Protein backbone atom coordinates (compact mmCIF):
# COMPACT_ATOMS: atom_id res chain seq x y z
CA MET A 1 14.61 23.96 13.56
CA SER A 2 13.77 27.48 14.52
CA GLU A 3 11.05 29.26 12.69
CA MET A 4 13.67 31.78 10.59
CA LYS A 5 15.42 28.52 9.02
CA ASP A 6 12.04 27.09 8.83
CA MET A 7 11.23 31.05 6.98
CA ILE A 8 14.32 29.75 4.98
CA LEU A 9 13.10 26.36 3.59
CA ASP A 10 9.65 28.31 3.24
CA VAL A 11 10.83 31.13 0.67
CA ALA A 12 13.70 28.85 -1.14
CA GLU A 13 10.78 25.92 -1.61
CA ARG A 14 8.43 28.24 -3.30
CA MET A 15 10.97 29.92 -5.39
CA LEU A 16 11.98 25.76 -7.13
CA LYS A 17 8.26 25.26 -6.96
CA ASP A 18 7.12 28.71 -9.18
CA TYR A 19 10.86 28.65 -11.45
CA ILE A 20 11.73 24.75 -11.73
CA THR A 21 9.62 23.01 -14.08
CA LYS A 22 10.03 19.88 -16.41
CA ASP A 23 10.58 22.11 -19.51
CA VAL A 24 12.97 23.65 -17.37
CA VAL A 25 14.95 21.12 -16.12
CA ASP A 26 15.25 19.92 -19.06
CA ILE A 27 16.98 22.86 -21.04
CA LEU A 28 20.30 21.05 -19.52
CA GLU A 29 19.69 18.55 -22.10
CA LYS A 30 20.18 21.99 -25.02
CA GLY A 31 23.30 22.99 -23.27
CA ASP A 32 21.60 26.28 -21.42
CA TRP A 33 20.36 26.28 -17.61
CA ALA A 34 18.02 28.27 -15.15
CA LYS A 35 20.17 31.20 -15.01
CA ASP A 36 16.77 33.79 -13.51
CA ALA A 37 16.36 30.99 -10.65
CA TRP A 38 19.70 31.50 -10.28
CA ASN A 39 19.62 35.06 -9.53
CA LEU A 40 16.65 34.87 -8.02
CA PHE A 41 18.76 32.83 -4.93
CA GLN A 42 21.30 35.48 -5.42
CA ASP A 43 18.85 38.42 -4.68
CA ASN A 44 17.44 36.83 -1.98
CA GLY A 45 20.70 34.90 -0.15
CA ILE A 46 20.17 32.00 -0.12
CA ILE A 47 23.17 31.17 -2.33
CA SER A 48 25.21 32.90 1.23
CA VAL A 49 23.24 31.14 4.14
CA ALA A 50 26.08 29.50 5.27
CA ILE A 51 28.71 31.89 5.23
CA PRO A 52 29.62 34.17 8.35
CA GLU A 53 27.87 37.33 8.59
CA GLU A 54 31.03 39.59 9.01
CA HIS A 55 32.19 37.99 6.11
CA GLY A 56 28.47 38.88 3.87
CA GLY A 57 26.39 35.77 4.22
CA ALA A 58 23.39 35.25 6.15
CA GLY A 59 25.23 32.98 9.47
CA GLY A 60 23.65 30.06 8.60
CA ASP A 61 25.09 26.56 10.06
CA LEU A 62 25.81 23.49 7.36
CA GLU A 63 22.48 21.78 8.65
CA ASP A 64 20.66 24.77 7.20
CA LEU A 65 22.27 24.44 3.74
CA LEU A 66 22.28 20.95 3.38
CA ASN A 67 18.27 21.02 4.01
CA LEU A 68 18.45 24.00 1.47
CA VAL A 69 20.82 21.74 -1.22
CA ARG A 70 17.83 18.76 -0.38
CA LEU A 71 15.56 21.21 -1.85
CA THR A 72 17.60 21.52 -5.09
CA GLY A 73 17.86 17.85 -5.68
CA LYS A 74 13.88 17.43 -4.78
CA TYR A 75 13.54 19.91 -7.56
CA ALA A 76 15.90 18.67 -10.11
CA ALA A 77 16.96 22.60 -9.92
CA PRO A 78 19.45 22.93 -13.03
CA ILE A 79 21.34 25.72 -11.07
CA PRO A 80 24.73 24.96 -9.32
CA PHE A 81 24.05 25.60 -6.12
CA ALA A 82 25.54 22.42 -4.48
CA GLU A 83 29.18 23.04 -6.13
CA THR A 84 28.95 27.05 -5.40
CA THR A 85 27.85 26.26 -1.50
CA LEU A 86 30.20 23.54 -0.72
CA ALA A 87 33.11 25.55 -2.94
CA ASN A 88 32.19 28.30 -0.30
CA PHE A 89 32.29 25.84 2.52
CA LEU A 90 35.65 24.11 1.33
CA LEU A 91 37.40 28.20 1.50
CA GLU A 92 35.78 28.78 4.48
CA THR A 93 36.79 25.88 6.94
CA SER A 94 40.16 26.11 5.42
CA ASN A 95 40.44 30.14 5.97
CA LEU A 96 40.14 31.42 2.40
CA THR A 97 38.39 33.99 1.32
CA THR A 98 34.64 32.57 0.04
CA VAL A 99 33.75 34.23 -3.53
CA ASP A 100 29.89 35.91 -4.39
CA LYS A 101 30.25 34.44 -8.39
CA ILE A 102 29.62 30.95 -9.24
CA ALA A 103 32.08 28.80 -8.28
CA THR A 104 32.91 24.22 -8.53
CA TYR A 105 35.10 22.14 -6.83
CA SER A 106 36.84 18.71 -7.23
CA LEU A 107 38.56 17.11 -4.14
CA GLN A 108 40.10 13.94 -6.58
CA GLU A 109 43.86 13.49 -7.44
CA GLY A 110 44.74 15.28 -10.77
CA PHE A 111 46.28 18.93 -9.74
CA ILE A 112 50.27 19.18 -8.96
CA LEU A 113 51.78 22.12 -7.35
CA GLN A 114 55.10 23.06 -8.31
CA ASN A 115 57.08 26.06 -7.80
CA ASP A 116 53.28 27.82 -5.90
CA GLN A 117 51.75 27.43 -9.63
CA VAL A 118 49.03 24.73 -10.64
CA SER A 119 48.80 21.75 -13.54
CA GLY A 120 47.28 18.70 -13.83
CA THR A 121 43.88 17.39 -15.34
CA LEU A 122 40.93 17.25 -13.21
CA HIS A 123 37.70 15.21 -15.02
CA ASN A 124 33.52 15.49 -14.33
CA VAL A 125 34.33 18.57 -12.87
CA PRO A 126 30.59 19.69 -11.98
CA TRP A 127 29.50 22.76 -13.40
CA ALA A 128 33.02 23.94 -14.42
CA ARG A 129 32.33 25.50 -18.00
CA HIS A 130 29.60 27.70 -16.29
CA ALA A 131 31.24 28.47 -13.11
CA LYS A 132 34.41 31.68 -12.35
CA TYR A 133 36.25 29.84 -10.11
CA LEU A 134 37.22 26.19 -9.07
CA VAL A 135 38.07 24.62 -5.44
CA ALA A 136 39.94 22.10 -6.05
CA PHE A 137 43.06 18.99 -3.68
CA VAL A 138 46.32 19.79 -5.30
CA LYS A 139 49.13 17.68 -4.21
CA SER A 140 53.12 18.69 -4.00
CA ASN A 141 55.78 17.57 -2.02
CA GLN A 142 55.06 19.50 1.58
CA GLY A 143 51.62 17.31 1.08
CA VAL A 144 47.78 18.24 0.35
CA GLN A 145 46.27 21.66 -0.17
CA LEU A 146 43.36 23.25 -1.10
CA ALA A 147 43.46 25.76 -4.16
CA LEU A 148 41.05 28.64 -5.10
CA ILE A 149 41.97 29.15 -8.83
CA ASP A 150 40.82 31.18 -11.14
CA LEU A 151 39.25 29.09 -14.24
CA ALA A 152 39.47 31.89 -17.12
CA ASP A 153 42.77 30.49 -18.30
CA ALA A 154 41.97 26.90 -17.88
CA THR A 155 40.98 24.27 -20.55
CA ILE A 156 37.33 23.35 -20.37
CA GLN A 157 36.28 20.32 -22.57
CA SER A 158 32.31 19.47 -21.75
CA SER A 159 30.69 16.64 -21.36
CA THR A 160 27.49 15.23 -18.65
CA ASN A 161 26.95 12.82 -16.34
CA MET A 162 23.68 10.18 -17.21
CA ALA A 163 20.70 13.06 -15.97
CA SER A 164 22.23 15.31 -19.00
CA GLU A 165 23.68 18.29 -15.80
CA PRO A 166 27.98 19.30 -16.98
CA ARG A 167 30.30 17.17 -15.45
CA ASP A 168 34.01 18.16 -17.55
CA THR A 169 37.35 18.07 -17.98
CA VAL A 170 39.65 20.58 -16.60
CA THR A 171 43.35 21.23 -17.41
CA MET A 172 45.22 23.83 -15.89
CA SER A 173 49.08 24.76 -17.20
CA ASP A 174 50.94 26.73 -14.05
CA ALA A 175 48.05 28.71 -12.90
CA LYS A 176 48.05 31.14 -10.02
CA ALA A 177 46.04 29.66 -6.94
CA GLN A 178 44.98 31.26 -3.67
CA LEU A 179 46.49 28.23 -0.99
CA SER A 180 45.66 26.96 2.09
CA PRO A 181 48.54 25.51 4.29
CA VAL A 182 48.54 22.07 4.65
CA LEU A 183 45.89 20.04 5.39
CA SER A 184 46.07 16.98 8.18
CA GLU A 185 44.25 13.65 7.61
CA GLU A 186 41.57 14.87 9.13
CA GLN A 187 40.62 18.17 7.37
CA ILE A 188 40.87 15.43 4.33
CA PHE A 189 38.86 13.34 5.69
CA TYR A 190 36.25 16.33 6.83
CA ALA A 191 36.16 17.49 3.39
CA ARG A 192 35.17 14.01 1.58
CA SER A 193 32.47 13.89 4.17
CA ILE A 194 30.81 16.96 3.61
CA GLU A 195 31.04 16.11 -0.10
CA THR A 196 29.35 12.68 0.50
CA ALA A 197 26.69 14.74 2.34
CA PHE A 198 26.05 16.97 0.37
CA LYS A 199 25.27 14.35 -2.23
CA ILE A 200 23.31 12.25 0.27
CA ALA A 201 21.16 15.65 0.87
CA LEU A 202 20.86 15.85 -3.33
CA MET A 203 19.86 12.04 -3.47
CA THR A 204 17.56 12.42 -0.11
CA GLY A 205 14.85 14.77 -1.36
CA ALA A 206 15.38 13.21 -5.23
CA ILE A 207 13.92 9.89 -3.66
CA GLU A 208 11.68 11.80 -1.77
CA LYS A 209 10.02 13.72 -5.07
CA ILE A 210 9.86 9.78 -7.07
CA ASN A 211 8.28 9.48 -3.85
CA GLU A 212 5.38 11.83 -4.87
CA LEU A 213 5.19 11.09 -8.68
CA SER A 214 4.45 7.26 -8.12
CA VAL A 215 2.05 7.65 -5.67
CA GLN A 216 0.03 10.70 -6.74
CA TYR A 217 0.82 8.66 -9.98
CA THR A 218 -0.98 5.28 -8.72
CA LYS A 219 -4.18 7.52 -7.83
CA GLU A 220 -4.77 8.96 -11.11
CA ARG A 221 -3.75 5.43 -13.34
CA GLU A 222 -6.97 3.56 -13.75
CA GLN A 223 -7.23 0.12 -14.71
CA PHE A 224 -10.67 -2.34 -14.59
CA GLY A 225 -12.49 0.74 -13.50
CA ARG A 226 -10.56 1.70 -10.18
CA PRO A 227 -7.99 3.60 -9.55
CA ILE A 228 -4.64 0.88 -9.39
CA HIS A 229 -3.51 2.21 -5.86
CA ARG A 230 -6.40 0.34 -4.28
CA PHE A 231 -4.66 -3.59 -6.39
CA GLN A 232 -3.30 -4.86 -3.37
CA LEU A 233 0.40 -5.30 -5.33
CA VAL A 234 0.67 -2.17 -6.33
CA GLN A 235 0.08 -1.89 -2.47
CA HIS A 236 2.88 -3.21 -1.75
CA GLN A 237 5.09 -1.54 -4.09
CA ILE A 238 3.99 1.53 -2.45
CA VAL A 239 5.04 0.64 0.78
CA GLN A 240 8.27 -0.29 -0.64
CA LEU A 241 8.75 3.20 -1.55
CA ALA A 242 7.72 4.70 1.14
CA GLY A 243 9.81 3.04 3.14
CA GLU A 244 13.00 3.03 1.39
CA THR A 245 12.03 6.97 1.35
CA ALA A 246 11.22 6.78 4.93
CA ILE A 247 14.58 5.11 5.42
CA ALA A 248 16.83 7.84 3.31
CA ILE A 249 15.26 11.33 5.35
CA ALA A 250 16.26 9.06 8.80
CA ALA A 251 19.80 8.74 6.89
CA PHE A 252 20.28 12.36 6.05
CA ASN A 253 18.74 13.28 9.52
CA ASN A 254 21.43 11.25 11.29
CA VAL A 255 23.88 12.59 8.42
CA CYS A 256 22.68 16.62 10.13
CA ALA A 257 23.28 15.52 13.66
CA ALA A 258 26.74 13.62 12.87
CA ILE A 259 27.97 16.72 11.40
CA GLN A 260 25.78 18.89 14.57
CA SER A 261 27.98 16.27 17.10
CA LYS A 262 31.30 16.64 15.45
CA ASN A 263 30.73 13.05 15.05
CA LEU A 264 32.13 11.93 11.53
CA LEU A 265 33.23 9.15 11.81
CA HIS A 266 30.64 6.19 11.01
CA GLU A 267 27.45 7.65 10.05
CA ILE A 268 28.25 9.64 6.95
CA ALA A 269 29.75 6.70 5.90
CA TYR A 270 27.26 4.04 7.07
CA ALA A 271 24.38 6.82 5.42
CA ARG A 272 26.01 6.77 1.88
CA ILE A 273 26.42 2.39 2.09
CA ARG A 274 22.47 1.90 2.54
CA PHE A 275 22.08 5.13 0.35
CA GLU A 276 22.69 2.11 -3.10
CA ASP A 277 19.48 -0.20 -1.60
CA ALA A 278 17.59 2.67 -1.60
CA ILE A 279 18.07 3.79 -5.07
CA ALA A 280 18.30 0.57 -6.42
CA THR A 281 14.76 -0.14 -4.90
CA VAL A 282 13.11 3.41 -5.76
CA THR A 283 14.44 3.39 -9.06
CA SER A 284 12.83 0.21 -10.07
CA VAL A 285 9.90 0.16 -8.53
CA SER A 286 8.49 3.78 -9.20
CA HIS A 287 9.95 2.65 -12.85
CA GLN A 288 7.19 -0.61 -12.31
CA LEU A 289 4.89 1.26 -10.81
CA HIS A 290 4.86 4.13 -13.90
CA ALA A 291 5.24 1.24 -16.94
CA ALA A 292 5.79 2.55 -19.68
CA ILE A 293 4.70 6.29 -19.45
CA GLY A 294 7.31 6.32 -16.90
CA MET A 295 10.10 5.96 -19.94
CA THR A 296 8.80 8.75 -21.74
CA HIS A 297 11.17 11.34 -22.30
CA GLU A 298 7.07 13.98 -21.50
CA TYR A 299 6.80 11.75 -18.06
CA ALA A 300 9.07 13.63 -15.06
CA LEU A 301 9.96 10.37 -13.63
CA HIS A 302 13.24 9.95 -15.26
CA GLN A 303 14.71 13.12 -14.47
CA TYR A 304 15.16 12.37 -10.91
CA THR A 305 15.83 8.24 -11.39
CA ARG A 306 18.46 9.21 -14.14
CA ARG A 307 19.91 11.86 -11.62
CA LEU A 308 19.70 8.59 -9.35
CA TRP A 309 21.83 6.64 -11.29
CA ALA A 310 24.03 9.92 -12.11
CA TRP A 311 25.00 11.28 -8.33
CA ARG A 312 25.21 7.20 -7.07
CA ASP A 313 28.65 7.17 -8.90
CA GLU A 314 29.79 10.41 -8.44
CA GLY A 315 32.34 11.88 -5.43
CA PRO A 316 33.34 8.72 -2.59
CA ASN A 317 30.85 6.39 -3.23
CA SER A 318 29.47 3.03 -1.07
CA ASP A 319 32.52 1.18 -2.58
CA TYR A 320 35.17 4.34 -0.47
CA TRP A 321 33.45 4.09 2.93
CA SER A 322 33.04 0.69 2.34
CA GLU A 323 36.87 0.57 2.42
CA HIS A 324 37.17 3.33 5.17
CA ILE A 325 35.27 1.14 8.08
CA ALA A 326 36.67 -2.15 7.27
CA ASN A 327 40.02 -0.51 7.20
CA TYR A 328 38.62 1.31 10.78
CA LEU A 329 37.97 -2.16 12.20
CA LEU A 330 41.10 -3.67 10.88
CA ASN A 331 43.09 -1.40 12.53
CA HIS A 332 41.12 -0.82 15.89
CA ASP A 333 40.80 -3.32 18.96
CA ASP A 334 37.27 -2.99 18.92
CA LYS A 335 35.27 -7.00 18.61
CA LEU A 336 32.88 -6.16 15.94
CA TRP A 337 29.98 -7.42 17.82
CA ALA A 338 30.87 -4.53 20.58
CA TYR A 339 31.40 -1.97 17.36
CA LEU A 340 27.96 -3.05 15.94
CA THR A 341 26.15 -3.04 19.45
CA LYS A 342 27.92 0.67 20.24
CA THR A 343 27.08 1.42 17.03
CA LEU A 344 23.71 0.97 17.21
CA GLU A 345 23.15 2.54 20.98
CA ASN A 346 24.71 6.09 19.35
CA SER A 347 22.40 5.97 16.61
């Protein structure tokens, strides 16, 4: 990573560290969000990092953006950063005009295109109630297209996920939209791969924070006259947590490398599948280490474990990617052992 990229990440992390406290994260539960932090990100050009300079952005690449998304996961930032930036990335890659307002996305089925107008209902759309635009797949007789839709005329029913993040139901009726050409299967696969990469980035940041909180707590909490991290059983759990954190970071870095090399066939799939085990271990071990205090609302741990449990079920999940790999193996001549050893050599 270049010195300029390091500087952008450093600036973003300092802003998040200064502005995103536990109390700020908690405002989501009251239906509010961190507008000041969002405005700060916007004023400093963080929102447009991955948009080309000729389109008014900073000219960064997708790896830069994913590392910023990872930071927002690490601080549980209650802002629609991942959603807006992913929406703009999808617009950019589909040759549609990017937007400078809050945007969200949905790559699920539910919208139908008839007479160049969009109708239908989408569930669990992130941050829809706060967004100006929605980027979504729409289906017509010709195939699937990407649509940029103004949400001014949408009917939005508010809901939340387990972490109190906005996950709304959006209903459109004969809405106008800017449309991409019909997408190929490769383009649809690429969009869902990038959506998964964004979730992996968020989950990596949350896992890093859980590890930090747990290590700090075991150093501060004393039992029988000494810090609990001195006890052998606790040390074993800390090692478990550190191992899963290292695996998550390595998987995230592999995803970034795969995106840079445009070799997305299975790297994102395997990373996403492996995160299932990481989430199960990290959340259970961290709560065991914290004991009762980890279950209280006053302590920050739940802000990250609840997000991991919620994000695990959103978008293309491990079942989706397991099926993808199984279908690949069933429809190609690769022998299983040769395929596995070739994959390991390339990783």
